[in-house]
N, C-alpha and C. Protein backbone atom coordinates (compact mmCIF):
# COMPACT_ATOMS: atom_id res chain seq x y z
N UNK A 1 3.35 13.14 89.78
CA UNK A 1 1.96 13.38 89.59
C UNK A 1 2.01 13.02 87.90
N UNK A 2 0.82 12.44 87.78
CA UNK A 2 0.94 11.99 86.54
C UNK A 2 0.11 13.30 85.45
N UNK A 3 0.55 12.93 84.28
CA UNK A 3 0.00 13.88 83.34
C UNK A 3 -1.21 14.14 83.17
N UNK A 4 -1.71 15.08 83.11
CA UNK A 4 -3.63 15.26 82.64
C UNK A 4 -3.81 14.55 81.79
N UNK A 5 -5.20 14.00 82.09
CA UNK A 5 -6.03 12.77 81.29
C UNK A 5 -6.54 13.68 79.91
N UNK A 6 -6.76 14.98 80.49
CA UNK A 6 -7.52 15.74 79.31
C UNK A 6 -6.39 17.00 79.21
N UNK A 7 -6.29 17.75 77.91
CA UNK A 7 -5.35 18.86 77.74
C UNK A 7 -6.65 19.59 76.94
N UNK A 8 -7.20 20.73 77.71
CA UNK A 8 -8.37 21.78 77.03
C UNK A 8 -7.56 22.55 75.93
N UNK A 9 -8.24 22.91 75.04
CA UNK A 9 -8.18 23.93 74.09
C UNK A 9 -8.84 25.11 74.29
N UNK A 10 -8.53 26.41 73.81
CA UNK A 10 -9.15 27.43 74.00
C UNK A 10 -10.59 27.44 74.24
N UNK A 11 -10.99 26.51 73.43
CA UNK A 11 -12.54 26.39 73.19
C UNK A 11 -13.05 25.36 74.20
N UNK A 12 -12.38 24.87 74.94
CA UNK A 12 -12.65 23.83 76.17
C UNK A 12 -12.64 22.29 75.51
N UNK A 13 -12.46 22.33 74.01
CA UNK A 13 -12.50 20.96 73.74
C UNK A 13 -11.13 20.18 73.94
N UNK A 14 -11.38 18.96 74.25
CA UNK A 14 -9.82 18.22 74.43
C UNK A 14 -9.18 18.34 73.28
N UNK A 15 -7.58 18.38 73.39
CA UNK A 15 -7.07 18.09 72.32
C UNK A 15 -6.96 16.16 72.03
N UNK A 16 -7.31 15.87 71.05
CA UNK A 16 -7.51 14.25 70.68
C UNK A 16 -6.37 13.70 69.45
N UNK A 17 -5.39 14.52 69.14
CA UNK A 17 -4.83 14.20 68.18
C UNK A 17 -3.68 13.35 68.74
N UNK A 18 -3.35 11.93 68.51
CA UNK A 18 -2.37 10.90 69.17
C UNK A 18 -1.05 11.56 68.97
N UNK A 19 -0.74 12.22 68.29
CA UNK A 19 0.82 12.43 67.85
C UNK A 19 0.84 13.76 69.30
N UNK A 20 -0.05 14.65 68.84
CA UNK A 20 -0.09 15.54 69.95
C UNK A 20 0.01 15.44 71.37
N UNK A 21 -1.10 14.33 71.95
CA UNK A 21 -1.12 13.93 73.04
C UNK A 21 0.15 13.38 73.69
N UNK A 22 1.18 12.57 72.74
CA UNK A 22 2.42 12.04 72.71
C UNK A 22 3.27 13.31 73.26
N UNK A 23 3.32 14.00 72.44
CA UNK A 23 4.20 15.12 72.78
C UNK A 23 3.90 15.98 74.18
N UNK A 24 2.57 16.13 74.27
CA UNK A 24 2.21 16.43 75.54
C UNK A 24 2.85 15.80 76.60
N UNK A 25 2.75 14.53 76.62
CA UNK A 25 2.68 13.82 77.77
C UNK A 25 4.24 13.71 78.01
N UNK A 26 5.13 13.33 76.94
CA UNK A 26 6.52 13.44 77.09
C UNK A 26 7.06 14.77 77.50
N UNK A 27 6.34 15.81 77.11
CA UNK A 27 7.09 17.10 77.60
C UNK A 27 6.80 17.48 79.38
N UNK A 28 5.54 16.89 79.54
CA UNK A 28 5.00 16.88 81.02
C UNK A 28 5.81 16.11 81.97
N UNK A 29 6.59 14.75 81.34
CA UNK A 29 7.15 13.87 82.24
C UNK A 29 8.59 14.76 82.31
N UNK A 30 8.90 14.99 81.26
CA UNK A 30 10.46 15.70 81.18
C UNK A 30 10.46 17.01 82.18
N UNK A 31 9.55 17.69 82.01
CA UNK A 31 9.32 19.06 82.86
C UNK A 31 9.52 18.50 83.98
N UNK A 32 8.49 17.52 84.71
CA UNK A 32 8.36 17.06 85.95
C UNK A 32 9.85 16.80 86.32
N UNK A 33 10.66 15.81 85.74
CA UNK A 33 11.88 15.50 86.12
C UNK A 33 12.79 16.84 86.36
N UNK A 34 12.92 17.58 85.40
CA UNK A 34 13.76 18.80 85.62
C UNK A 34 13.40 19.40 86.91
N UNK A 35 12.02 20.02 86.63
CA UNK A 35 11.41 20.71 88.22
C UNK A 35 11.88 19.91 89.37
N UNK A 36 11.86 18.79 89.52
CA UNK A 36 11.89 17.75 90.80
C UNK A 36 13.51 17.84 91.40
N UNK A 37 14.34 17.62 89.89
CA UNK A 37 15.68 17.92 90.42
C UNK A 37 16.06 19.15 90.81
N UNK A 38 15.76 20.26 90.15
CA UNK A 38 15.87 21.72 90.64
C UNK A 38 15.29 21.93 91.85
N UNK A 39 14.08 21.38 92.07
CA UNK A 39 13.89 21.46 93.80
C UNK A 39 14.45 20.81 94.82
N UNK A 40 14.76 19.43 94.46
CA UNK A 40 15.91 18.87 95.45
C UNK A 40 17.03 19.21 95.44
N UNK A 41 17.77 19.64 94.44
CA UNK A 41 19.00 20.61 94.34
C UNK A 41 19.00 21.45 95.35
N UNK A 42 18.09 22.63 95.25
CA UNK A 42 18.03 23.82 96.06
C UNK A 42 17.50 23.39 97.44
N UNK A 43 16.79 22.65 98.07
CA UNK A 43 16.48 22.44 99.21
C UNK A 43 17.72 21.60 99.92
N UNK A 44 18.65 20.68 99.06
CA UNK A 44 19.95 20.16 99.92
C UNK A 44 20.72 21.31 99.88
N UNK A 45 20.72 22.10 99.30
CA UNK A 45 21.75 23.59 99.46
C UNK A 45 21.33 24.30 100.23
N UNK A 46 20.10 24.35 100.88
CA UNK A 46 19.61 25.13 102.18
C UNK A 46 18.45 25.91 101.64
N UNK A 47 18.13 25.88 100.57
CA UNK A 47 16.76 26.78 100.48
C UNK A 47 15.55 26.19 100.92
N UNK A 48 14.88 26.93 101.75
CA UNK A 48 13.39 26.47 102.29
C UNK A 48 12.55 26.14 101.22
N UNK A 49 12.12 24.77 101.36
CA UNK A 49 11.26 24.17 100.54
C UNK A 49 9.91 25.03 100.02
N UNK A 50 9.44 25.75 100.98
CA UNK A 50 8.21 26.53 100.88
C UNK A 50 8.46 27.50 99.82
N UNK A 51 9.50 28.09 100.52
CA UNK A 51 10.04 29.33 99.24
C UNK A 51 10.32 29.13 97.97
N UNK A 52 10.89 27.82 97.63
CA UNK A 52 11.10 27.37 96.64
C UNK A 52 10.07 26.92 95.67
N UNK A 53 8.74 26.21 96.42
CA UNK A 53 7.64 25.98 95.56
C UNK A 53 7.23 27.34 95.25
N UNK A 54 7.19 28.27 96.11
CA UNK A 54 6.89 29.41 95.70
C UNK A 54 7.47 30.22 94.17
N UNK A 55 8.84 30.11 94.19
CA UNK A 55 9.93 30.46 93.18
C UNK A 55 9.37 29.85 92.06
N UNK A 56 9.05 28.50 92.22
CA UNK A 56 8.89 27.62 90.96
C UNK A 56 7.40 28.04 90.47
N UNK A 57 6.75 28.06 91.38
CA UNK A 57 5.30 28.52 90.83
C UNK A 57 5.17 30.29 90.09
N UNK A 58 6.01 30.77 90.76
CA UNK A 58 6.27 32.43 90.30
C UNK A 58 6.87 32.28 88.82
N UNK A 59 7.93 31.09 88.69
CA UNK A 59 8.59 30.83 87.13
C UNK A 59 7.33 30.60 86.05
N UNK A 60 6.55 29.70 86.51
CA UNK A 60 5.63 29.08 85.86
C UNK A 60 4.71 30.21 85.34
N UNK A 61 4.19 30.75 86.27
CA UNK A 61 3.23 32.13 86.04
C UNK A 61 3.71 33.35 85.22
N UNK A 62 5.07 33.46 84.85
CA UNK A 62 5.70 34.17 84.26
C UNK A 62 6.00 34.18 82.80
N UNK A 63 5.67 32.67 82.64
CA UNK A 63 5.82 32.32 81.24
C UNK A 63 5.23 32.86 79.95
N UNK A 64 5.72 33.63 78.87
CA UNK A 64 5.18 34.06 78.07
C UNK A 64 4.49 33.25 76.96
N UNK A 65 3.44 33.79 76.48
CA UNK A 65 2.43 32.97 75.68
C UNK A 65 3.12 32.96 73.96
N UNK A 66 3.30 31.91 73.42
CA UNK A 66 3.73 31.99 72.19
C UNK A 66 2.79 32.68 71.09
N UNK A 67 1.85 32.92 71.58
CA UNK A 67 0.45 33.71 70.64
C UNK A 67 0.78 35.05 70.83
N UNK A 68 1.51 35.34 71.97
CA UNK A 68 1.78 36.93 72.04
C UNK A 68 0.86 37.75 72.94
N UNK A 69 -0.11 36.74 73.50
CA UNK A 69 -1.36 37.01 74.42
C UNK A 69 -0.87 37.14 76.03
N UNK A 70 -1.03 38.01 76.72
CA UNK A 70 -0.64 37.95 78.36
C UNK A 70 -1.36 36.69 78.56
N UNK A 71 -0.64 36.02 79.76
CA UNK A 71 -1.14 35.02 80.54
C UNK A 71 -1.97 35.24 81.34
N UNK A 72 -2.98 34.43 81.60
CA UNK A 72 -4.03 34.56 82.90
C UNK A 72 -3.41 34.02 84.09
C-alpha cells in the first residue's frame, strides 16, 4: 500500500511542508515493513491471519495521542 497522497491536519487542510511530507512518507514505509514482518512471522508460526489482522487493528486503535486527547 502506498503512502497517502494527502495528510490531513485537524482543520482538514493537507500538510504541505516538504520536510514533514518526507518524514511522514518515510515513517509510513518503515511502519508498513515492520507490520508486514510481524504479520508474516505470526502467520508462519500458526496464528490465524484474520485474527492477527484484528490484533494489529486493535493495536493501532489503542495508540495514545501525544496531545493528550483520546483517540477517535
